């Protein structure tokens, strides 16, 4: 049976998009996919329409390894409006309560300290978490409240930036699954005045460098230049991509020779002399250390393939 014809290019890697405000993560994903003329694309960890900043977009075979970014920690810069609580915990919602701002700096310092370290967080009803197959925000829009279990989160760092009038600015480094809107809403309740997010920017995902982010405007400019000059997308745009295995960069690498790699590509467990005792590893081939997939160390010490890079032949 012949392989079905794929639409778009076989382009593989991770683009660090600087997501603009006011659009959904899926909207910008589709725009990037069209600009690169990629046959496959997916994002890792959606940002709210209000939020801006780092949105890693995986193209081609990199989509297979995007799950490892979902488990990574994140860093955000956030500005909260004090004295007003909204139904969505951000500026896109409706104000449901207004209260005076009357706490002291000492009160603020004490409340901020309560969010640092390991805590439990009850997710917002306006989140994409699923209940009976539907995201919670769909229930919330119908006025239905679903009981949510508290989930463990870790705030590695919560840095106070400024407090001016009714605005509070913070920088938060946190674990996966942490809702910044919920932190701000909970903080406002602890301070007795209410609060909601008016600005949210993700400045880091895992160890990806901030300076490698690009905007949609920059991508469209490069695309227009390539079209006008007759330059290929591969030459003009692909240098912006980070390696397809970068989502799994925190896992140890195991290098195997080409003869062994042939068996690994066929889904067979293989021996490797330099493998750790257990866990997931990135597998590379030969002196060029070409990434070929992820493996788990089996009980007998062999590399058991878990996700493989597929090389299409046209």
Protein backbone atom coordinates (compact mmCIF):
# COMPACT_ATOMS: atom_id res chain seq x y z
CA UNK A 1 0.00 0.00 0.00
CA UNK A 2 1.40 3.40 -0.96
CA UNK A 3 1.91 6.04 1.73
CA UNK A 4 -0.79 8.77 1.61
CA UNK A 5 0.41 12.00 0.07
CA UNK A 6 1.35 14.59 2.67
CA UNK A 7 0.45 18.23 2.38
CA UNK A 8 3.28 20.68 2.94
CA UNK A 9 6.97 20.27 3.61
CA UNK A 10 8.77 17.72 5.75
CA UNK A 11 10.28 20.34 8.05
CA UNK A 12 11.29 19.32 11.57
CA UNK A 13 12.19 21.44 14.58
CA UNK A 14 10.91 23.81 17.25
CA UNK A 15 10.08 27.46 16.69
CA UNK A 16 9.96 29.77 19.71
CA UNK A 17 7.09 32.06 18.83
CA UNK A 18 6.53 35.31 20.70
CA UNK A 19 2.75 35.00 20.87
CA UNK A 20 0.85 38.28 20.48
CA UNK A 21 -2.00 39.36 22.72
CA UNK A 22 -5.65 38.88 21.78
CA UNK A 23 -5.40 35.67 19.76
CA UNK A 24 -5.59 32.01 20.72
CA UNK A 25 -2.60 29.69 20.72
CA UNK A 26 -4.26 27.56 18.04
CA UNK A 27 -4.76 30.59 15.78
CA UNK A 28 -1.06 31.46 15.81
CA UNK A 29 -0.15 27.78 15.44
CA UNK A 30 -2.09 27.61 12.17
CA UNK A 31 -0.44 30.82 10.94
CA UNK A 32 3.04 29.45 11.65
CA UNK A 33 2.17 26.17 9.95
CA UNK A 34 1.09 28.05 6.81
CA UNK A 35 4.15 30.32 6.81
CA UNK A 36 6.49 27.31 6.99
CA UNK A 37 4.25 25.25 4.68
CA UNK A 38 4.72 22.45 7.21
CA UNK A 39 2.84 19.17 6.95
CA UNK A 40 2.45 18.90 10.74
CA UNK A 41 2.55 21.33 13.64
CA UNK A 42 1.55 21.47 17.29
CA UNK A 43 2.08 23.79 20.24
CA UNK A 44 3.15 22.87 23.75
CA UNK A 45 1.17 24.38 26.57
CA UNK A 46 -1.43 26.88 25.38
CA UNK A 47 -1.38 30.51 26.44
CA UNK A 48 -4.62 32.41 27.11
CA UNK A 49 -5.60 34.99 24.46
CA UNK A 50 -4.69 37.73 26.98
CA UNK A 51 -1.18 36.32 27.46
CA UNK A 52 1.91 36.95 25.34
CA UNK A 53 5.35 35.44 25.15
CA UNK A 54 7.10 32.14 24.59
CA UNK A 55 5.00 29.52 22.79
CA UNK A 56 7.15 26.65 21.50
CA UNK A 57 5.69 25.35 18.23
CA UNK A 58 6.81 21.91 17.09
CA UNK A 59 6.96 21.16 13.39
CA UNK A 60 7.04 17.76 11.71
CA UNK A 61 8.65 14.94 13.69
CA UNK A 62 9.27 17.32 16.61
CA UNK A 63 5.55 17.00 17.45
CA UNK A 64 6.27 13.48 18.73
CA UNK A 65 8.46 14.90 21.48
CA UNK A 66 6.41 17.95 22.45
CA UNK A 67 4.99 16.12 25.50
CA UNK A 68 8.30 16.59 27.30
CA UNK A 69 7.82 20.36 27.18
CA UNK A 70 4.39 20.03 28.79
CA UNK A 71 6.17 18.62 31.84
CA UNK A 72 8.72 21.44 32.02
CA UNK A 73 8.71 24.42 34.35
CA UNK A 74 7.78 27.93 33.18
CA UNK A 75 8.55 31.55 34.09
CA UNK A 76 6.07 34.42 33.83
CA UNK A 77 5.94 38.18 34.33
CA UNK A 78 2.48 39.22 35.54
CA UNK A 79 0.74 42.49 36.42
CA UNK A 80 -2.33 42.29 38.66
CA UNK A 81 -5.06 44.87 39.12
CA UNK A 82 -5.82 45.13 42.83
CA UNK A 83 -9.26 45.90 44.24
CA UNK A 84 -11.24 44.14 41.49
CA UNK A 85 -12.12 40.46 41.16
CA UNK A 86 -13.39 39.05 37.83
CA UNK A 87 -15.17 35.82 36.99
CA UNK A 88 -12.23 34.64 34.85
CA UNK A 89 -9.48 36.00 37.13
CA UNK A 90 -8.20 38.15 34.26
CA UNK A 91 -9.13 41.29 32.33
CA UNK A 92 -11.12 39.33 29.74
CA UNK A 93 -13.79 38.55 32.34
CA UNK A 94 -16.53 40.55 34.05
CA UNK A 95 -15.91 42.36 37.32
CA UNK A 96 -17.85 40.57 40.05
CA UNK A 97 -16.58 42.37 43.14
CA UNK A 98 -14.88 45.70 44.00
CA UNK A 99 -13.14 46.30 47.34
CA UNK A 100 -10.73 48.88 48.76
CA UNK A 101 -6.99 48.21 48.78
CA UNK A 102 -5.89 48.63 52.39
CA UNK A 103 -3.07 46.18 53.11
CA UNK A 104 0.50 47.08 54.10
CA UNK A 105 3.83 46.08 52.56
CA UNK A 106 4.32 43.69 55.47
CA UNK A 107 0.93 42.10 54.72
CA UNK A 108 1.93 41.71 51.07
CA UNK A 109 5.30 40.16 51.93
CA UNK A 110 3.61 37.63 54.21
CA UNK A 111 1.01 36.68 51.60
CA UNK A 112 3.61 36.33 48.85
CA UNK A 113 5.63 34.01 51.05
CA UNK A 114 2.59 31.72 51.42
CA UNK A 115 2.67 30.96 47.70
CA UNK A 116 6.34 29.95 47.56
CA UNK A 117 7.35 26.29 47.56
CA UNK A 118 5.02 23.28 47.37
CA UNK A 119 1.33 24.11 47.63
CA UNK A 120 -2.08 22.88 46.47
CA UNK A 121 -4.01 24.84 43.85
CA UNK A 122 -7.67 24.52 42.83
CA UNK A 123 -7.77 25.13 39.04
CA UNK A 124 -10.00 27.89 37.68
CA UNK A 125 -13.33 27.01 36.09
CA UNK A 126 -12.06 29.03 33.12
CA UNK A 127 -9.39 26.48 32.23
CA UNK A 128 -8.93 23.81 29.57
CA UNK A 129 -8.97 20.95 32.08
CA UNK A 130 -11.47 18.30 31.01
CA UNK A 131 -14.56 17.06 32.87
CA UNK A 132 -16.47 14.25 31.16
CA UNK A 133 -14.68 15.05 27.92
CA UNK A 134 -15.45 18.78 27.92
CA UNK A 135 -13.14 21.64 28.99
CA UNK A 136 -14.13 23.35 32.22
CA UNK A 137 -14.52 26.74 30.51
CA UNK A 138 -17.49 25.40 28.54
CA UNK A 139 -19.30 24.62 31.78
CA UNK A 140 -18.29 28.00 33.24
CA UNK A 141 -19.78 29.86 30.28
CA UNK A 142 -23.07 28.10 31.00
CA UNK A 143 -22.93 29.10 34.65
CA UNK A 144 -22.20 25.54 35.79
CA UNK A 145 -19.64 25.05 38.56
CA UNK A 146 -17.80 21.72 38.67
CA UNK A 147 -16.10 20.52 41.85
CA UNK A 148 -12.32 20.54 41.26
CA UNK A 149 -9.72 18.66 43.24
CA UNK A 150 -6.70 20.66 44.48
CA UNK A 151 -3.55 19.81 42.54
CA UNK A 152 0.04 19.96 43.81
CA UNK A 153 2.17 22.72 42.28
CA UNK A 154 5.57 24.20 43.06
CA UNK A 155 6.49 27.88 42.93
CA UNK A 156 10.28 27.81 42.74
CA UNK A 157 10.60 31.59 42.79
CA UNK A 158 8.14 34.42 43.35
CA UNK A 159 9.86 37.77 42.90
CA UNK A 160 8.26 41.07 43.91
CA UNK A 161 8.84 43.69 41.17
CA UNK A 162 6.68 46.67 42.08
CA UNK A 163 3.50 47.81 43.82
CA UNK A 164 2.17 51.13 42.57
CA UNK A 165 -1.36 52.34 43.37
CA UNK A 166 -3.63 49.45 42.37
CA UNK A 167 -1.08 47.53 40.29
CA UNK A 168 1.16 44.72 41.50
CA UNK A 169 3.91 43.25 39.30
CA UNK A 170 5.53 39.89 39.99
CA UNK A 171 7.80 37.35 38.32
CA UNK A 172 6.90 33.71 38.94
CA UNK A 173 8.94 30.58 38.19
CA UNK A 174 6.67 27.56 38.61
CA UNK A 175 6.07 23.91 37.84
CA UNK A 176 3.87 22.49 35.12
CA UNK A 177 0.12 22.83 35.58
CA UNK A 178 0.34 26.08 37.55
CA UNK A 179 -2.35 28.64 36.75
CA UNK A 180 -1.02 32.17 37.20
CA UNK A 181 -4.56 33.59 37.05
CA UNK A 182 -5.49 31.41 40.01
CA UNK A 183 -2.43 32.52 41.99
CA UNK A 184 -3.42 36.16 41.44
CA UNK A 185 -7.06 35.49 42.35
CA UNK A 186 -6.05 33.61 45.51
CA UNK A 187 -3.56 36.35 46.38
CA UNK A 188 -6.26 39.00 46.06
CA UNK A 189 -8.52 37.05 48.42
CA UNK A 190 -5.75 36.63 50.99
CA UNK A 191 -5.12 40.39 50.83
CA UNK A 192 -8.84 41.05 51.27
CA UNK A 193 -9.19 43.28 48.21
CA UNK A 194 -9.51 40.94 45.25
CA UNK A 195 -7.26 40.97 42.17
CA UNK A 196 -7.13 39.90 38.55
CA UNK A 197 -4.51 39.60 35.80
CA UNK A 198 -4.21 42.54 33.38
CA UNK A 199 -0.89 41.52 31.80
CA UNK A 200 0.72 38.08 31.53
CA UNK A 201 3.89 37.28 29.63
CA UNK A 202 5.64 33.92 29.54
CA UNK A 203 9.34 34.62 29.42
CA UNK A 204 10.74 31.10 29.63
CA UNK A 205 9.82 27.47 28.94
CA UNK A 206 12.29 24.85 30.17
CA UNK A 207 15.76 26.14 29.16
CA UNK A 208 14.82 27.72 25.86
CA UNK A 209 16.59 31.07 25.34
CA UNK A 210 14.42 34.20 25.39
CA UNK A 211 16.47 35.80 22.60
CA UNK A 212 15.52 33.04 20.12
CA UNK A 213 11.86 34.07 20.09
CA UNK A 214 10.44 35.48 16.86
CA UNK A 215 7.17 37.28 16.15
CA UNK A 216 4.57 36.60 13.49
CA UNK A 217 5.48 39.96 11.92
CA UNK A 218 9.11 38.85 11.58
CA UNK A 219 8.07 35.55 10.04
CA UNK A 220 5.78 37.23 7.53
CA UNK A 221 8.55 39.66 6.57
CA UNK A 222 10.99 36.81 5.98
CA UNK A 223 8.37 34.95 3.96
CA UNK A 224 7.69 38.00 1.78
CA UNK A 225 11.43 38.52 1.24
CA UNK A 226 11.88 34.88 0.27
CA UNK A 227 8.97 35.01 -2.17
CA UNK A 228 10.20 38.22 -3.80
CA UNK A 229 13.80 37.04 -4.10
CA UNK A 230 12.95 33.46 -5.09
CA UNK A 231 14.66 32.07 -1.99
CA UNK A 232 13.53 28.69 -0.66
CA UNK A 233 11.75 28.45 2.70
CA UNK A 234 14.42 25.98 3.75
CA UNK A 235 17.07 28.66 3.35
CA UNK A 236 15.08 31.60 4.69
CA UNK A 237 13.03 30.19 7.58
CA UNK A 238 14.41 26.84 8.71
CA UNK A 239 17.51 28.34 10.42
CA UNK A 240 15.08 29.77 13.00
CA UNK A 241 14.22 26.27 14.19
CA UNK A 242 15.75 24.59 17.21
CA UNK A 243 16.52 20.83 17.01
CA UNK A 244 13.60 18.41 17.07
CA UNK A 245 14.96 16.72 20.20
CA UNK A 246 15.28 20.00 22.13
CA UNK A 247 12.00 19.32 24.02
CA UNK A 248 13.77 16.31 25.55
CA UNK A 249 17.11 18.01 26.14
CA UNK A 250 17.01 17.32 29.89
CA UNK A 251 17.15 13.57 29.32
CA UNK A 252 20.56 11.85 29.07
CA UNK A 253 21.85 10.96 25.62
CA UNK A 254 22.89 7.45 24.60
CA UNK A 255 24.88 7.13 21.40
CA UNK A 256 24.77 3.89 19.38
CA UNK A 257 26.61 2.85 16.19
CA UNK A 258 24.76 2.78 12.83
CA UNK A 259 24.56 -1.02 12.71
CA UNK A 260 22.76 -1.09 16.06
CA UNK A 261 20.63 1.91 15.12
CA UNK A 262 19.15 -0.04 12.19
CA UNK A 263 17.60 -2.52 14.63
CA UNK A 264 16.48 0.28 16.98
CA UNK A 265 14.63 2.01 14.10
CA UNK A 266 12.72 -1.22 13.51
CA UNK A 267 11.40 -1.05 17.05
CA UNK A 268 13.74 -3.67 18.50
CA UNK A 269 15.38 -3.29 21.94
CA UNK A 270 19.16 -2.97 21.57
CA UNK A 271 22.22 -3.11 23.80
CA UNK A 272 24.20 0.06 24.56
CA UNK A 273 27.39 0.12 26.55
CA UNK A 274 26.99 3.70 27.81
CA UNK A 275 23.34 3.59 28.95
CA UNK A 276 22.28 4.62 32.46
CA UNK A 277 20.68 2.10 34.81
CA UNK A 278 17.08 3.20 34.25
CA UNK A 279 14.76 5.90 32.91
CA UNK A 280 14.13 7.63 29.59
CA UNK A 281 17.00 8.58 27.29
CA UNK A 282 17.58 10.38 24.00
CA UNK A 283 19.13 8.06 21.43
CA UNK A 284 21.59 9.32 18.82
CA UNK A 285 23.39 7.54 16.00
CA UNK A 286 27.02 7.48 15.01
CA UNK A 287 29.73 10.12 15.18
CA UNK A 288 27.34 12.79 13.91
CA UNK A 289 25.09 12.06 16.95
CA UNK A 290 21.99 12.18 14.80
CA UNK A 291 18.85 12.04 16.96
CA UNK A 292 16.73 8.97 16.14
CA UNK A 293 14.27 8.67 19.03
CA UNK A 294 13.51 8.17 22.70
CA UNK A 295 14.02 4.93 24.59
CA UNK A 296 13.43 3.53 28.04
CA UNK A 297 16.01 1.41 29.80
CA UNK A 298 14.48 -2.08 30.19
CA UNK A 299 15.10 -4.36 33.17
CA UNK A 300 17.77 -6.21 31.19
CA UNK A 301 19.61 -2.95 30.44
CA UNK A 302 18.63 -2.75 26.78
CA UNK A 303 17.22 0.36 25.07
CA UNK A 304 13.51 -0.20 24.44
CA UNK A 305 12.24 2.21 21.72
CA UNK A 306 9.40 4.50 22.83
CA UNK A 307 9.19 7.21 20.17
CA UNK A 308 11.06 7.03 16.88
CA UNK A 309 11.96 9.61 14.27
CA UNK A 310 10.49 8.63 10.90
CA UNK A 311 12.46 9.67 7.83
CA UNK A 312 10.16 9.94 4.87
CA UNK A 313 11.43 9.17 1.42
CA UNK A 314 9.70 11.04 -1.42
